[in-house]
N, C-alpha and C. Protein backbone atom coordinates (compact mmCIF):
# COMPACT_ATOMS: atom_id res chain seq x y z
N MET A 1 0.78 -1.21 -0.01
CA MET A 1 0.21 0.02 0.03
C MET A 1 0.96 1.10 -0.10
N SER A 2 0.22 2.05 -0.45
CA SER A 2 1.07 3.71 -0.54
C SER A 2 1.26 4.31 0.79
N ALA A 3 2.44 4.54 0.84
CA ALA A 3 2.97 5.62 2.39
C ALA A 3 2.34 6.99 2.35
N THR A 4 1.89 7.35 1.21
CA THR A 4 1.63 8.72 1.25
C THR A 4 0.20 8.91 1.79
N PRO A 5 0.06 9.72 2.72
CA PRO A 5 -1.52 10.02 3.19
C PRO A 5 -2.18 10.70 2.13
N ALA A 6 -3.68 10.02 2.10
CA ALA A 6 -4.56 10.27 1.19
C ALA A 6 -5.21 11.59 1.72
N PRO A 7 -5.92 12.52 0.97
CA PRO A 7 -6.60 13.68 1.37
C PRO A 7 -7.74 13.09 2.12
N ARG A 8 -8.32 13.74 2.89
CA ARG A 8 -9.76 13.41 4.21
C ARG A 8 -10.56 13.02 2.87
N GLY A 9 -11.26 11.91 3.04
CA GLY A 9 -12.64 11.61 2.17
C GLY A 9 -12.08 11.24 0.96
N ASP A 10 -10.81 10.50 0.78
CA ASP A 10 -10.21 10.22 -0.62
C ASP A 10 -10.18 8.65 -0.75
N ARG A 11 -10.31 7.96 0.90
CA ARG A 11 -10.02 6.69 0.71
C ARG A 11 -10.80 5.82 1.29
N ALA A 12 -11.14 4.94 0.83
CA ALA A 12 -12.11 3.46 1.48
C ALA A 12 -11.42 2.44 1.09
N SER A 13 -11.70 1.63 2.34
CA SER A 13 -10.77 0.34 2.50
C SER A 13 -11.65 -0.88 2.94
N ALA A 14 -11.33 -1.79 2.82
CA ALA A 14 -11.71 -3.23 3.48
C ALA A 14 -10.89 -4.15 3.64
N SER A 15 -11.24 -5.10 4.40
CA SER A 15 -10.30 -6.61 4.44
C SER A 15 -10.97 -7.55 4.72
N VAL A 16 -10.39 -8.82 4.32
CA VAL A 16 -10.95 -10.07 4.61
C VAL A 16 -10.06 -10.97 4.77
N GLY A 17 -9.86 -12.02 5.71
CA GLY A 17 -9.05 -13.18 6.02
C GLY A 17 -9.62 -14.21 5.28
N LEU A 18 -8.42 -14.74 4.68
CA LEU A 18 -8.93 -15.96 3.84
C LEU A 18 -7.88 -17.17 4.32
N PRO A 19 -8.73 -18.13 4.25
CA PRO A 19 -7.68 -19.67 4.68
C PRO A 19 -6.96 -20.19 3.98
N LEU A 20 -5.91 -19.21 2.99
CA LEU A 20 -5.14 -19.66 1.85
C LEU A 20 -3.78 -18.96 2.33
N PRO A 21 -2.81 -19.65 1.49
CA PRO A 21 -1.47 -18.91 1.43
C PRO A 21 -1.51 -17.72 0.45
N PRO A 22 -0.81 -16.73 0.41
CA PRO A 22 -0.82 -15.69 -0.34
C PRO A 22 -0.84 -15.87 -1.82
N ASP A 23 -0.05 -16.64 -2.29
CA ASP A 23 -0.05 -16.90 -3.87
C ASP A 23 -1.34 -17.80 -4.13
N GLU A 24 -2.17 -18.32 -3.31
CA GLU A 24 -3.79 -18.78 -3.57
C GLU A 24 -4.56 -17.81 -3.75
N ALA A 25 -4.36 -16.84 -2.60
CA ALA A 25 -5.18 -15.71 -2.59
C ALA A 25 -5.10 -14.62 -3.55
N PHE A 26 -3.78 -14.73 -4.06
CA PHE A 26 -3.45 -13.64 -5.30
C PHE A 26 -4.23 -14.40 -6.61
N ARG A 27 -4.18 -15.58 -6.71
CA ARG A 27 -4.68 -16.49 -7.77
C ARG A 27 -6.06 -16.43 -8.00
N LEU A 28 -7.02 -16.45 -6.83
CA LEU A 28 -8.06 -16.62 -6.48
C LEU A 28 -8.77 -15.15 -6.96
N PHE A 29 -8.20 -14.16 -6.49
CA PHE A 29 -8.42 -12.86 -6.75
C PHE A 29 -8.22 -12.44 -8.18
N THR A 30 -7.62 -12.86 -9.00
CA THR A 30 -7.41 -12.39 -10.04
C THR A 30 -7.86 -13.37 -11.26
N GLU A 31 -7.49 -14.75 -11.35
CA GLU A 31 -8.07 -15.62 -12.15
C GLU A 31 -9.45 -16.07 -12.09
N GLU A 32 -9.79 -16.03 -10.84
CA GLU A 32 -11.39 -16.46 -10.58
C GLU A 32 -12.01 -15.15 -10.14
N ILE A 33 -12.03 -14.05 -10.66
CA ILE A 33 -12.55 -12.89 -10.19
C ILE A 33 -14.09 -13.09 -10.86
N GLY A 34 -14.28 -13.62 -12.25
CA GLY A 34 -15.60 -13.98 -12.44
C GLY A 34 -16.38 -14.61 -11.74
N LEU A 35 -15.72 -15.70 -10.91
CA LEU A 35 -16.69 -16.41 -10.27
C LEU A 35 -17.10 -15.89 -8.80
N TRP A 36 -16.29 -14.98 -8.16
CA TRP A 36 -16.91 -14.45 -6.71
C TRP A 36 -17.17 -13.16 -6.89
N TRP A 37 -16.64 -12.25 -7.88
CA TRP A 37 -17.31 -10.80 -8.08
C TRP A 37 -19.09 -10.93 -8.40
N ARG A 38 -19.57 -10.36 -7.32
CA ARG A 38 -21.15 -10.25 -7.32
C ARG A 38 -21.64 -9.71 -8.51
N ARG A 39 -22.93 -10.33 -8.62
CA ARG A 39 -23.69 -9.72 -9.85
C ARG A 39 -24.55 -8.77 -9.39
N GLY A 40 -25.22 -8.07 -10.38
CA GLY A 40 -26.30 -7.37 -10.00
C GLY A 40 -25.74 -5.72 -10.34
N ARG A 41 -26.91 -4.63 -10.40
CA ARG A 41 -26.74 -3.29 -10.97
C ARG A 41 -25.79 -2.89 -9.98
N ARG A 42 -25.35 -3.30 -8.76
CA ARG A 42 -24.71 -2.28 -7.71
C ARG A 42 -23.08 -3.18 -7.87
N PHE A 43 -22.95 -3.85 -8.61
CA PHE A 43 -21.79 -4.44 -8.70
C PHE A 43 -21.03 -4.71 -10.24
N ARG A 44 -22.13 -4.78 -11.28
CA ARG A 44 -21.83 -5.16 -12.75
C ARG A 44 -22.48 -4.06 -13.71
N ASN A 45 -21.50 -3.92 -14.77
CA ASN A 45 -22.39 -2.66 -15.72
C ASN A 45 -23.46 -3.80 -16.32
N ALA A 46 -23.09 -4.96 -16.62
CA ALA A 46 -24.45 -5.72 -17.00
C ALA A 46 -25.54 -6.05 -15.85
N GLY A 47 -25.44 -5.39 -14.93
CA GLY A 47 -26.64 -5.95 -13.99
C GLY A 47 -26.48 -7.19 -13.65
N GLY A 48 -28.03 -7.75 -13.84
CA GLY A 48 -28.11 -9.15 -13.57
C GLY A 48 -27.91 -10.09 -14.70
N GLU A 49 -27.49 -9.43 -15.83
CA GLU A 49 -27.24 -9.93 -17.25
C GLU A 49 -26.46 -10.89 -17.04
N ARG A 50 -25.77 -12.16 -17.48
CA ARG A 50 -24.75 -13.06 -17.34
C ARG A 50 -23.56 -12.15 -18.28
N GLY A 51 -22.55 -12.22 -17.79
CA GLY A 51 -21.61 -11.98 -18.65
C GLY A 51 -20.07 -12.25 -17.65
N LEU A 52 -18.94 -11.77 -18.23
CA LEU A 52 -17.64 -11.97 -17.77
C LEU A 52 -16.94 -10.68 -17.15
N ILE A 53 -16.35 -11.01 -16.26
CA ILE A 53 -15.66 -10.03 -15.51
C ILE A 53 -14.10 -10.56 -15.39
N ALA A 54 -13.24 -10.14 -15.77
CA ALA A 54 -11.78 -10.66 -15.89
C ALA A 54 -10.63 -9.29 -15.65
N ILE A 55 -9.55 -10.28 -15.21
CA ILE A 55 -8.40 -9.12 -15.31
C ILE A 55 -7.47 -9.85 -16.06
N GLU A 56 -6.71 -9.01 -16.83
CA GLU A 56 -5.77 -9.78 -17.72
C GLU A 56 -4.41 -9.52 -16.90
N PRO A 57 -3.62 -10.79 -17.02
CA PRO A 57 -2.57 -10.58 -15.95
C PRO A 57 -1.55 -9.85 -16.67
N GLY A 58 -0.65 -9.20 -15.40
CA GLY A 58 0.20 -8.36 -16.04
C GLY A 58 0.26 -6.73 -15.79
N LEU A 59 1.28 -6.25 -16.12
CA LEU A 59 1.31 -4.65 -15.74
C LEU A 59 0.62 -4.29 -17.47
N GLY A 60 -0.55 -3.22 -17.33
CA GLY A 60 -1.23 -2.64 -18.37
C GLY A 60 -2.20 -3.87 -18.75
N GLY A 61 -2.46 -4.94 -18.38
CA GLY A 61 -3.61 -5.52 -18.27
C GLY A 61 -5.13 -5.05 -17.99
N ARG A 62 -6.15 -5.34 -19.07
CA ARG A 62 -7.29 -4.55 -18.71
C ARG A 62 -8.47 -5.47 -17.28
N LEU A 63 -8.66 -4.76 -16.83
CA LEU A 63 -9.79 -4.95 -15.81
C LEU A 63 -11.18 -4.73 -16.39
N PHE A 64 -11.96 -5.79 -17.00
CA PHE A 64 -13.01 -5.30 -18.00
C PHE A 64 -14.35 -6.56 -17.56
N GLU A 65 -15.45 -5.92 -18.23
CA GLU A 65 -16.53 -6.81 -18.16
C GLU A 65 -16.96 -6.76 -19.57
N SER A 66 -17.50 -7.93 -19.81
CA SER A 66 -17.89 -8.44 -21.22
C SER A 66 -19.26 -9.01 -20.75
N PHE A 67 -20.54 -8.56 -21.81
CA PHE A 67 -21.98 -9.09 -21.66
C PHE A 67 -22.45 -8.90 -22.98
N GLY A 68 -23.40 -9.50 -22.99
CA GLY A 68 -24.32 -9.44 -24.13
C GLY A 68 -24.47 -10.74 -24.89
N ALA A 69 -25.56 -10.53 -25.73
CA ALA A 69 -25.67 -11.56 -27.04
C ALA A 69 -24.34 -12.03 -27.67
N PRO A 70 -24.15 -13.17 -28.31
CA PRO A 70 -22.97 -13.51 -29.11
C PRO A 70 -23.37 -12.65 -30.41
N GLY A 71 -22.26 -12.07 -30.57
CA GLY A 71 -22.16 -11.00 -31.92
C GLY A 71 -22.46 -9.81 -31.61
N ALA A 72 -23.25 -9.44 -30.41
CA ALA A 72 -23.54 -8.38 -30.16
C ALA A 72 -22.52 -7.89 -28.70
N GLN A 73 -21.57 -8.74 -28.40
CA GLN A 73 -21.00 -8.08 -26.95
C GLN A 73 -20.79 -6.96 -26.91
N THR A 74 -20.88 -6.16 -25.39
CA THR A 74 -20.41 -4.90 -25.01
C THR A 74 -19.27 -5.26 -24.13
N VAL A 75 -18.11 -4.72 -24.35
CA VAL A 75 -17.05 -4.72 -23.50
C VAL A 75 -16.89 -3.22 -22.79
N VAL A 76 -16.73 -3.37 -21.31
CA VAL A 76 -16.36 -2.36 -20.71
C VAL A 76 -15.26 -2.45 -20.03
N GLU A 77 -14.46 -1.60 -20.35
CA GLU A 77 -13.03 -1.36 -19.49
C GLU A 77 -13.12 -0.77 -18.20
N ILE A 78 -13.22 -1.37 -17.03
CA ILE A 78 -13.15 -0.90 -15.95
C ILE A 78 -11.57 -0.20 -15.54
N GLY A 79 -10.70 -0.80 -15.79
CA GLY A 79 -9.48 -0.03 -15.54
C GLY A 79 -8.13 -0.80 -15.88
N ARG A 80 -6.81 -0.43 -15.93
CA ARG A 80 -5.70 -1.11 -16.17
C ARG A 80 -5.06 -1.37 -15.01
N VAL A 81 -4.36 -2.55 -14.98
CA VAL A 81 -3.26 -2.97 -14.04
C VAL A 81 -2.05 -2.10 -14.09
N THR A 82 -1.80 -1.59 -12.77
CA THR A 82 -0.86 -0.49 -12.84
C THR A 82 0.41 -1.32 -11.96
N ALA A 83 0.17 -2.27 -11.17
CA ALA A 83 1.01 -3.10 -10.61
C ALA A 83 0.85 -4.40 -10.51
N TRP A 84 1.78 -5.42 -10.83
CA TRP A 84 1.38 -6.53 -10.55
C TRP A 84 2.83 -7.41 -9.97
N GLU A 85 2.47 -7.95 -8.78
CA GLU A 85 3.43 -8.37 -8.02
C GLU A 85 2.82 -9.52 -7.08
N PRO A 86 2.96 -10.38 -7.87
CA PRO A 86 2.46 -11.72 -7.06
C PRO A 86 3.34 -12.22 -6.41
N PRO A 87 3.06 -13.04 -4.97
CA PRO A 87 1.44 -12.64 -4.42
C PRO A 87 1.38 -11.74 -3.29
N GLN A 88 2.20 -10.81 -3.60
CA GLN A 88 1.81 -9.56 -2.64
C GLN A 88 0.95 -8.28 -2.83
N ARG A 89 0.77 -7.90 -4.42
CA ARG A 89 0.40 -6.83 -4.42
C ARG A 89 -0.25 -6.83 -5.87
N LEU A 90 -1.42 -6.26 -6.05
CA LEU A 90 -2.27 -5.77 -7.11
C LEU A 90 -2.60 -4.12 -7.12
N ALA A 91 -2.53 -3.73 -8.19
CA ALA A 91 -3.17 -2.29 -8.34
C ALA A 91 -3.61 -2.16 -9.66
N PHE A 92 -4.84 -1.59 -9.73
CA PHE A 92 -5.25 -0.95 -10.80
C PHE A 92 -6.07 0.22 -10.71
N THR A 93 -6.01 0.75 -11.97
CA THR A 93 -7.20 1.94 -12.04
C THR A 93 -8.61 1.67 -12.12
N TRP A 94 -9.42 2.42 -12.00
CA TRP A 94 -10.91 2.32 -11.83
C TRP A 94 -11.66 3.46 -12.51
N ARG A 95 -12.47 2.84 -13.09
CA ARG A 95 -13.33 3.96 -13.65
C ARG A 95 -14.79 3.70 -13.54
N ALA A 96 -15.67 4.26 -13.10
CA ALA A 96 -16.98 3.76 -13.07
C ALA A 96 -17.52 4.15 -14.37
N SER A 97 -18.93 3.80 -14.66
CA SER A 97 -19.61 3.67 -15.94
C SER A 97 -20.01 5.23 -16.30
N ASN A 98 -20.20 6.32 -14.97
CA ASN A 98 -20.30 7.45 -15.00
C ASN A 98 -19.44 8.28 -14.90
N PHE A 99 -18.19 7.96 -15.27
CA PHE A 99 -16.75 8.83 -15.29
C PHE A 99 -16.87 9.33 -16.30
N ALA A 100 -16.41 10.80 -16.61
CA ALA A 100 -16.05 11.26 -17.65
C ALA A 100 -14.27 10.75 -18.19
N PRO A 101 -14.06 10.82 -19.32
CA PRO A 101 -13.08 10.15 -19.80
C PRO A 101 -11.49 10.44 -19.18
N HIS A 102 -11.70 11.58 -18.66
CA HIS A 102 -10.36 12.00 -17.56
C HIS A 102 -10.53 11.60 -16.45
N GLU A 103 -11.55 11.22 -15.99
CA GLU A 103 -11.71 10.71 -14.27
C GLU A 103 -11.17 8.98 -14.37
N LEU A 104 -10.65 9.16 -12.99
CA LEU A 104 -10.45 7.54 -12.83
C LEU A 104 -9.71 7.58 -11.26
N THR A 105 -10.16 6.77 -10.56
CA THR A 105 -9.51 6.41 -9.13
C THR A 105 -8.65 5.38 -9.40
N GLN A 106 -7.69 4.73 -8.27
CA GLN A 106 -7.16 3.89 -8.04
C GLN A 106 -7.37 2.77 -6.86
N VAL A 107 -7.27 1.62 -7.22
CA VAL A 107 -7.25 0.17 -6.17
C VAL A 107 -5.97 -0.45 -5.90
N GLU A 108 -5.89 -0.47 -4.75
CA GLU A 108 -4.39 -1.34 -4.27
C GLU A 108 -5.14 -2.39 -3.49
N VAL A 109 -4.66 -3.79 -3.65
CA VAL A 109 -4.75 -4.57 -3.06
C VAL A 109 -3.95 -5.48 -2.45
N ALA A 110 -3.71 -5.55 -1.46
CA ALA A 110 -2.48 -6.16 -0.56
C ALA A 110 -2.80 -7.79 0.00
N PHE A 111 -1.63 -8.60 -0.35
CA PHE A 111 -2.16 -10.15 -0.17
C PHE A 111 -1.07 -10.08 1.01
N ASP A 112 -1.60 -10.18 2.46
CA ASP A 112 -0.27 -10.29 3.56
C ASP A 112 -0.51 -11.67 4.32
N ALA A 113 0.54 -12.40 4.14
CA ALA A 113 0.58 -13.72 5.16
C ALA A 113 0.24 -13.53 6.44
N ARG A 114 -0.81 -14.24 7.08
CA ARG A 114 -1.47 -13.89 8.45
C ARG A 114 -1.52 -15.60 9.23
N GLY A 115 -0.70 -15.87 9.71
CA GLY A 115 -0.63 -17.49 10.37
C GLY A 115 -0.88 -18.53 9.05
N ASP A 116 -1.77 -19.02 9.22
CA ASP A 116 -2.22 -20.20 8.14
C ASP A 116 -2.75 -19.62 6.73
N GLY A 117 -3.14 -18.09 7.06
CA GLY A 117 -3.86 -17.56 5.95
C GLY A 117 -3.32 -16.26 5.30
N THR A 118 -4.57 -15.62 4.73
CA THR A 118 -3.87 -14.15 4.10
C THR A 118 -4.62 -13.33 4.51
N LEU A 119 -4.39 -11.95 4.64
CA LEU A 119 -5.16 -10.80 4.98
C LEU A 119 -5.46 -10.08 3.69
N VAL A 120 -6.38 -10.21 3.34
CA VAL A 120 -6.50 -9.32 1.84
C VAL A 120 -7.21 -7.94 1.97
N THR A 121 -6.42 -6.91 1.82
CA THR A 121 -6.92 -5.44 2.04
C THR A 121 -7.04 -4.77 0.66
N VAL A 122 -8.21 -4.19 0.50
CA VAL A 122 -8.54 -3.28 -0.45
C VAL A 122 -8.47 -1.96 -0.23
N VAL A 123 -7.72 -1.07 -1.13
CA VAL A 123 -7.68 0.51 -0.39
C VAL A 123 -8.20 0.95 -2.03
N HIS A 124 -9.19 1.70 -2.05
CA HIS A 124 -9.79 2.31 -3.26
C HIS A 124 -9.76 3.96 -2.95
N SER A 125 -8.58 4.90 -3.59
CA SER A 125 -8.36 5.76 -3.31
C SER A 125 -8.37 6.85 -4.64
N GLY A 126 -8.37 7.92 -4.47
CA GLY A 126 -8.57 8.94 -5.53
C GLY A 126 -9.92 9.89 -5.92
N TRP A 127 -10.75 9.75 -5.01
CA TRP A 127 -12.05 10.35 -4.92
C TRP A 127 -12.17 11.85 -4.70
N SER A 128 -10.99 12.13 -3.99
CA SER A 128 -10.97 13.57 -3.67
C SER A 128 -11.13 14.36 -4.84
N ALA A 129 -10.44 13.61 -6.29
CA ALA A 129 -10.31 14.15 -7.43
C ALA A 129 -11.64 14.59 -8.22
N LEU A 130 -12.26 14.08 -7.61
CA LEU A 130 -13.78 13.97 -8.32
C LEU A 130 -14.68 14.95 -7.53
N PRO A 131 -15.32 15.91 -8.18
CA PRO A 131 -16.16 16.82 -7.58
C PRO A 131 -17.11 16.41 -6.42
N PRO A 132 -17.39 17.14 -5.47
CA PRO A 132 -18.28 16.65 -4.43
C PRO A 132 -20.03 16.02 -4.93
N ASP A 133 -20.30 16.84 -6.13
CA ASP A 133 -21.78 16.51 -6.69
C ASP A 133 -21.48 15.54 -7.98
N HIS A 134 -20.42 14.58 -7.86
CA HIS A 134 -20.15 13.84 -8.87
C HIS A 134 -21.41 12.57 -8.85
N PRO A 135 -21.89 12.44 -10.01
CA PRO A 135 -23.00 11.30 -10.00
C PRO A 135 -22.61 10.10 -9.32
N VAL A 136 -21.55 9.75 -9.11
CA VAL A 136 -20.90 8.46 -8.57
C VAL A 136 -21.41 8.64 -7.15
N ARG A 137 -21.33 9.56 -6.68
CA ARG A 137 -21.52 9.76 -4.93
C ARG A 137 -23.33 9.62 -4.73
N HIS A 138 -24.10 9.54 -5.72
CA HIS A 138 -25.46 9.53 -6.00
C HIS A 138 -26.12 10.41 -4.61
N GLY A 139 -25.51 11.55 -4.41
CA GLY A 139 -26.24 12.61 -3.67
C GLY A 139 -25.23 12.46 -2.35
N GLN A 140 -24.56 11.61 -2.19
CA GLN A 140 -24.16 11.51 -0.74
C GLN A 140 -22.92 12.20 -0.28
N ASP A 141 -22.81 12.71 0.65
CA ASP A 141 -21.71 13.81 1.42
C ASP A 141 -20.52 13.00 1.50
N VAL A 142 -19.14 13.40 1.36
CA VAL A 142 -18.03 12.66 1.23
C VAL A 142 -18.05 11.59 2.20
N PRO A 143 -18.07 12.16 3.77
CA PRO A 143 -17.93 10.69 4.54
C PRO A 143 -19.04 9.56 3.95
N ALA A 144 -20.28 10.14 3.91
CA ALA A 144 -21.50 8.98 3.52
C ALA A 144 -20.59 8.16 2.58
N PHE A 145 -20.34 8.51 1.34
CA PHE A 145 -19.92 8.10 0.11
C PHE A 145 -18.71 7.26 0.53
N ILE A 146 -17.73 7.55 1.37
CA ILE A 146 -16.71 6.87 1.59
C ILE A 146 -17.02 5.59 2.40
N ARG A 147 -17.99 5.71 3.36
CA ARG A 147 -18.60 4.77 4.14
C ARG A 147 -19.19 3.62 2.94
N THR A 148 -20.03 4.17 2.20
CA THR A 148 -20.77 3.27 1.10
C THR A 148 -19.68 2.35 0.79
N MET A 149 -18.58 3.24 -0.17
CA MET A 149 -17.41 2.34 -0.75
C MET A 149 -16.80 1.27 -0.11
N GLY A 150 -16.55 1.62 1.26
CA GLY A 150 -15.84 0.48 2.00
C GLY A 150 -16.85 -0.70 2.24
N MET A 151 -18.09 -0.34 2.71
CA MET A 151 -19.31 -1.38 2.66
C MET A 151 -19.08 -2.03 1.20
N TRP A 152 -19.26 -1.45 0.25
CA TRP A 152 -19.22 -2.11 -1.15
C TRP A 152 -18.17 -2.77 -1.14
N TRP A 153 -16.88 -2.40 -1.07
CA TRP A 153 -15.88 -3.41 -1.01
C TRP A 153 -15.94 -4.83 -0.20
N GLY A 154 -16.42 -4.36 1.10
CA GLY A 154 -16.48 -5.48 2.04
C GLY A 154 -17.32 -6.40 1.60
N GLU A 155 -18.69 -6.18 0.86
CA GLU A 155 -19.46 -7.09 0.21
C GLU A 155 -18.73 -8.33 -0.81
N LEU A 156 -18.21 -7.14 -1.37
CA LEU A 156 -17.12 -8.09 -2.42
C LEU A 156 -16.24 -9.27 -1.96
N LEU A 157 -15.65 -8.76 -1.09
CA LEU A 157 -14.78 -9.40 -0.49
C LEU A 157 -15.39 -10.57 0.59
N SER A 158 -16.37 -10.55 1.05
CA SER A 158 -17.01 -11.45 1.80
C SER A 158 -17.27 -12.51 0.52
N THR A 159 -17.83 -12.28 -0.53
CA THR A 159 -17.97 -13.25 -1.47
C THR A 159 -16.79 -13.86 -2.14
N LEU A 160 -15.59 -13.02 -1.89
CA LEU A 160 -14.00 -13.96 -2.30
C LEU A 160 -14.02 -14.67 -1.18
N ARG A 161 -14.20 -14.37 0.05
CA ARG A 161 -14.28 -15.49 1.34
C ARG A 161 -15.08 -16.51 1.28
N LEU A 162 -16.37 -16.39 0.74
CA LEU A 162 -17.14 -17.39 0.56
C LEU A 162 -16.65 -18.47 -0.77
N HIS A 163 -16.24 -17.94 -1.79
CA HIS A 163 -15.49 -18.61 -2.92
C HIS A 163 -14.41 -19.62 -2.02
N ALA A 164 -13.44 -18.62 -1.64
CA ALA A 164 -12.17 -19.36 -1.05
C ALA A 164 -12.84 -20.59 0.11
N LEU A 165 -13.61 -20.20 0.37
CA LEU A 165 -14.23 -21.65 1.39
C LEU A 165 -14.68 -22.51 0.79
N GLY A 166 -15.17 -22.49 -0.60
CA GLY A 166 -15.37 -23.70 -1.56
C GLY A 166 -17.00 -23.75 -1.52
N HIS A 167 -17.68 -22.15 -1.47
CA HIS A 167 -19.12 -22.28 -1.79
C HIS A 167 -19.61 -22.00 -3.00
N GLY A 168 -18.69 -21.77 -3.84
CA GLY A 168 -18.94 -21.38 -5.31
C GLY A 168 -19.03 -20.36 -5.78
N PRO A 169 -19.66 -20.07 -6.89
CA PRO A 169 -19.91 -18.67 -7.34
C PRO A 169 -20.58 -17.91 -6.33
N ALA A 170 -20.55 -16.31 -6.30
CA ALA A 170 -21.39 -15.58 -5.72
C ALA A 170 -22.74 -15.41 -6.24
N ALA A 171 -23.79 -15.36 -5.54
CA ALA A 171 -25.30 -14.84 -6.20
C ALA A 171 -25.59 -13.63 -6.74
């Protein structure tokens, strides 16, 4: 994670413990993202529609979502990998579907060995570069929005944990 302090209201974070070593936790997070990432309008551009979410491995790889009927696929690039350091760290840019072309935020994921498992911590920052009335905030003030984003990532990490425990794809 970055040692530079973020401006107030800039950073949302969430963590989860997984009963796996860091290399397996990193692999699950990246290679099986389509199996654990939640479905629905809150989490995917496709909403409830079936689709694919994936991370292309390596620096510069895309985080993207693909959905739609064969021959009429929509591909939405959510971000680009800015750090690929298995099994300790992954970072990528992040763009919500209502971001302007020049707007983006950053996500860093740390995989820290803890006993027989791994603590996975997501820090999503860069929100202070967006105006307080940005549509992504859904009318929330900055503290409420940052709390919402932390809970959003917490829900995703909960489904990652369920997937790691062998409960299969997220609903």
